[in-house]
Amino acid sequence: MYNSFDYNLPDFELLKKESNQYMIWIPDKVYIVLGASNNPNDSLILENVIQDNVTVLKRPSGGQTVVLTPDNIMISAVFVDRNKIHPHEVFQHINKLIISAIENMGIHNLSLMGISDIAILGRKILGSAIYRNKNTLLYHAVLNIGEPAATFERYLKHPVREPEYRHGRSHSDFVTSLKENGYTQSAHHMENMLSISFERLFSL
């Protein structure tokens, strides 16, 4: 049995906050993050993970296993009164905000797909998940700026559960990136643009 580590990436610190806050950041290296119901043996191509010495973490939130890289942007937000907020509303509201920010950068044909994804012409560019504890609700998502689908093919098996719109497609046929769809700026530029949008929301 291959062992993973508990999730300890920066956004988990948001759960200690006492007010609604957000965090947008770029991973410093490659990580694999298992969903709460996933295990390494079923989800990962372990020989490649071990060969490349990739850090494997397990988050307490739902959803399937994801690969994080410096060519992704992590988008996280915490809401402190979880009883007044339904997870579906959070997915809808935050993902629509992200779509608007991306469209302002000249990328179009985006849509909400599945329970909590954003796609371009049916191919996934963002997946998100929610974790709730006694008092707070944490939304976190990964937006693919330019990581090639070959990276996901190298480390991830086909998920046990998938959204209906995937239709059994491989990672290479299912996942895309903003750069593949005309985005020419850096991940840091998109990080700044998203921060502006979230700052407006969280300052209301």
Protein backbone atom coordinates (compact mmCIF):
# COMPACT_ATOMS: atom_id res chain seq x y z
CA MET A 1 0.00 0.00 0.00
CA TYR A 2 1.42 3.39 -1.06
CA ASN A 3 1.02 6.03 1.65
CA SER A 4 0.02 9.64 1.06
CA PHE A 5 0.46 12.68 3.31
CA ASP A 6 -2.28 14.79 4.84
CA TYR A 7 -3.21 17.85 2.82
CA ASN A 8 -1.07 20.77 3.98
CA LEU A 9 -1.04 23.24 1.08
CA PRO A 10 -1.42 26.98 1.76
CA ASP A 11 -5.17 27.30 1.26
CA PHE A 12 -5.96 24.93 4.13
CA GLU A 13 -4.90 27.73 6.47
CA LEU A 14 -8.06 29.54 5.40
CA LEU A 15 -10.06 27.22 7.65
CA LYS A 16 -8.52 29.00 10.64
CA LYS A 17 -9.91 32.37 9.54
CA GLU A 18 -12.83 34.07 11.24
CA SER A 19 -14.08 36.00 8.22
CA ASN A 20 -14.79 35.29 4.55
CA GLN A 21 -11.47 35.29 2.70
CA TYR A 22 -9.89 34.07 -0.52
CA MET A 23 -6.46 32.93 -1.66
CA ILE A 24 -5.13 32.64 -5.21
CA TRP A 25 -1.74 31.00 -5.60
CA ILE A 26 0.53 29.00 -7.89
CA PRO A 27 2.01 25.66 -6.76
CA ASP A 28 5.78 25.65 -6.25
CA LYS A 29 6.20 22.16 -7.73
CA VAL A 30 4.19 19.16 -8.91
CA TYR A 31 1.78 17.67 -6.37
CA ILE A 32 -0.82 14.96 -6.66
CA VAL A 33 -3.85 15.49 -4.44
CA LEU A 34 -6.22 12.61 -3.78
CA GLY A 35 -9.89 13.28 -3.11
CA ALA A 36 -11.34 12.15 0.22
CA SER A 37 -12.66 8.90 -1.26
CA ASN A 38 -9.59 8.09 -3.37
CA ASN A 39 -6.59 5.90 -2.61
CA PRO A 40 -3.19 5.84 -4.36
CA ASN A 41 -3.42 2.29 -5.63
CA ASP A 42 -6.71 2.83 -7.45
CA SER A 43 -6.08 6.39 -8.63
CA LEU A 44 -2.40 6.61 -9.56
CA ILE A 45 0.07 5.09 -11.98
CA LEU A 46 2.38 4.45 -9.07
CA GLU A 47 5.52 3.48 -10.96
CA ASN A 48 5.60 6.92 -12.61
CA VAL A 49 4.76 8.74 -9.38
CA ILE A 50 7.57 6.95 -7.55
CA GLN A 51 10.05 7.36 -10.40
CA ASP A 52 9.44 11.13 -10.51
CA ASN A 53 9.34 11.46 -6.71
CA VAL A 54 6.03 13.35 -6.78
CA THR A 55 4.55 14.40 -3.44
CA VAL A 56 1.13 12.80 -2.89
CA LEU A 57 -1.36 14.43 -0.53
CA LYS A 58 -4.90 13.56 0.49
CA ARG A 59 -7.41 16.35 0.98
CA PRO A 60 -10.56 16.07 3.11
CA SER A 61 -12.80 17.45 0.36
CA GLY A 62 -14.60 15.43 -2.28
CA GLY A 63 -13.97 15.09 -5.99
CA GLN A 64 -11.38 13.05 -7.82
CA THR A 65 -7.60 13.05 -7.78
CA VAL A 66 -5.86 16.06 -9.35
CA VAL A 67 -2.35 16.97 -10.40
CA LEU A 68 -1.14 20.44 -9.41
CA THR A 69 1.80 22.08 -11.21
CA PRO A 70 3.38 25.54 -11.51
CA ASP A 71 1.37 25.88 -14.74
CA ASN A 72 -1.89 25.80 -12.73
CA ILE A 73 -3.57 28.40 -10.57
CA MET A 74 -5.17 27.42 -7.29
CA ILE A 75 -8.29 29.38 -6.34
CA SER A 76 -9.62 29.05 -2.81
CA ALA A 77 -12.24 30.79 -0.70
CA VAL A 78 -13.60 30.26 2.79
CA PHE A 79 -17.05 31.23 4.05
CA VAL A 80 -17.40 31.29 7.81
CA ASP A 81 -21.16 30.85 8.21
CA ARG A 82 -21.59 27.63 6.29
CA ASN A 83 -25.20 27.15 7.44
CA LYS A 84 -26.30 30.08 5.28
CA ILE A 85 -24.54 28.88 2.14
CA HIS A 86 -25.40 25.85 0.03
CA PRO A 87 -22.45 24.15 -1.74
CA HIS A 88 -24.24 24.28 -5.10
CA GLU A 89 -24.63 28.05 -4.74
CA VAL A 90 -20.93 28.42 -3.96
CA PHE A 91 -19.91 26.38 -7.01
CA GLN A 92 -22.23 28.40 -9.24
CA HIS A 93 -21.30 31.81 -7.89
CA ILE A 94 -17.53 31.38 -7.72
CA ASN A 95 -17.21 29.51 -11.00
CA LYS A 96 -19.25 32.16 -12.81
CA LEU A 97 -16.93 34.81 -11.35
CA ILE A 98 -13.94 32.88 -12.69
CA ILE A 99 -15.54 32.53 -16.13
CA SER A 100 -16.12 36.28 -16.26
CA ALA A 101 -12.49 36.99 -15.37
CA ILE A 102 -11.23 34.58 -18.04
CA GLU A 103 -13.55 36.03 -20.67
CA ASN A 104 -12.14 39.47 -19.90
CA MET A 105 -8.81 38.06 -21.04
CA GLY A 106 -10.24 37.21 -24.45
CA ILE A 107 -10.99 33.51 -23.96
CA HIS A 108 -14.53 32.44 -24.88
CA ASN A 109 -16.76 29.36 -25.21
CA LEU A 110 -16.57 28.68 -21.46
CA SER A 111 -19.38 26.94 -19.62
CA LEU A 112 -20.27 25.35 -16.29
CA MET A 113 -20.21 21.57 -16.62
CA GLY A 114 -20.89 18.67 -14.30
CA ILE A 115 -21.28 19.47 -10.62
CA SER A 116 -18.37 21.88 -10.29
CA ASP A 117 -16.27 22.07 -13.48
CA ILE A 118 -15.57 24.78 -16.02
CA ALA A 119 -15.00 23.66 -19.60
CA ILE A 120 -14.16 25.13 -22.98
CA LEU A 121 -16.21 23.49 -25.73
CA GLY A 122 -16.76 20.46 -23.51
CA ARG A 123 -13.14 20.04 -22.40
CA LYS A 124 -12.27 20.65 -18.76
CA ILE A 125 -10.05 23.54 -17.67
CA LEU A 126 -11.11 23.80 -14.01
CA GLY A 127 -12.30 21.40 -11.36
CA SER A 128 -13.37 22.38 -7.86
CA ALA A 129 -14.33 20.79 -4.57
CA ILE A 130 -15.78 21.82 -1.22
CA TYR A 131 -14.86 20.89 2.33
CA ARG A 132 -17.00 21.76 5.34
CA ASN A 133 -16.19 21.57 9.00
CA LYS A 134 -18.29 22.68 11.96
CA ASN A 135 -18.26 26.38 11.16
CA THR A 136 -16.74 26.99 7.74
CA LEU A 137 -17.02 26.04 4.10
CA LEU A 138 -13.87 25.90 1.98
CA TYR A 139 -14.07 26.06 -1.82
CA HIS A 140 -10.91 25.21 -3.71
CA ALA A 141 -10.26 24.79 -7.42
CA VAL A 142 -7.45 24.20 -9.88
CA LEU A 143 -7.37 26.15 -13.15
CA ASN A 144 -5.17 24.76 -15.91
CA ILE A 145 -3.22 27.58 -17.52
CA GLY A 146 -0.82 25.59 -19.65
CA GLU A 147 -0.09 22.13 -18.27
CA PRO A 148 -0.26 19.55 -21.11
CA ALA A 149 -2.68 16.68 -20.69
CA ALA A 150 0.27 14.28 -21.05
CA THR A 151 1.19 15.11 -17.44
CA PHE A 152 -2.18 13.85 -16.22
CA GLU A 153 -1.88 10.77 -18.42
CA ARG A 154 1.50 10.00 -16.84
CA TYR A 155 0.29 10.02 -13.24
CA LEU A 156 -3.45 9.40 -13.14
CA LYS A 157 -5.50 6.34 -13.94
CA HIS A 158 -8.95 6.85 -15.40
CA PRO A 159 -11.15 7.96 -12.47
CA VAL A 160 -13.56 5.51 -10.90
CA ARG A 161 -16.29 8.17 -11.10
CA GLU A 162 -16.53 10.81 -13.77
CA PRO A 163 -18.96 13.58 -14.76
CA GLU A 164 -21.51 12.61 -17.36
CA TYR A 165 -20.08 15.03 -19.93
CA ARG A 166 -16.72 13.21 -19.92
CA HIS A 167 -18.24 10.22 -21.77
CA GLY A 168 -15.31 7.95 -20.94
CA ARG A 169 -12.74 10.18 -22.64
CA SER A 170 -9.07 9.81 -21.75
CA HIS A 171 -7.29 12.64 -19.92
CA SER A 172 -5.79 13.79 -23.23
CA ASP A 173 -9.20 14.01 -24.89
CA PHE A 174 -10.98 15.46 -21.86
CA VAL A 175 -8.60 18.07 -20.42
CA THR A 176 -7.47 21.27 -22.09
CA SER A 177 -5.67 24.44 -21.01
CA LEU A 178 -6.14 28.16 -21.48
CA LYS A 179 -2.95 28.31 -23.55
CA GLU A 180 -4.37 25.72 -25.94
CA ASN A 181 -7.32 28.07 -26.39
CA GLY A 182 -5.48 31.27 -27.18
CA TYR A 183 -4.26 32.58 -23.81
CA THR A 184 -0.77 34.04 -24.28
CA GLN A 185 -0.02 35.66 -20.91
CA SER A 186 1.72 34.09 -17.91
CA ALA A 187 0.09 32.21 -15.04
CA HIS A 188 1.06 35.14 -12.81
CA HIS A 189 -0.86 37.54 -15.05
CA MET A 190 -4.02 35.44 -14.76
CA GLU A 191 -3.41 35.16 -11.01
CA ASN A 192 -3.45 38.97 -10.79
CA MET A 193 -6.60 39.29 -12.89
CA LEU A 194 -8.44 36.75 -10.76
CA SER A 195 -7.29 38.51 -7.61
CA ILE A 196 -8.88 41.74 -8.81
CA SER A 197 -12.22 39.98 -9.39
CA PHE A 198 -12.15 38.23 -6.01
CA GLU A 199 -11.12 41.40 -4.19
CA ARG A 200 -14.23 43.12 -5.53
CA LEU A 201 -16.44 40.27 -4.35
CA PHE A 202 -14.92 39.93 -0.90
CA SER A 203 -14.88 43.67 -0.23
CA LEU A 204 -18.67 43.94 -0.61
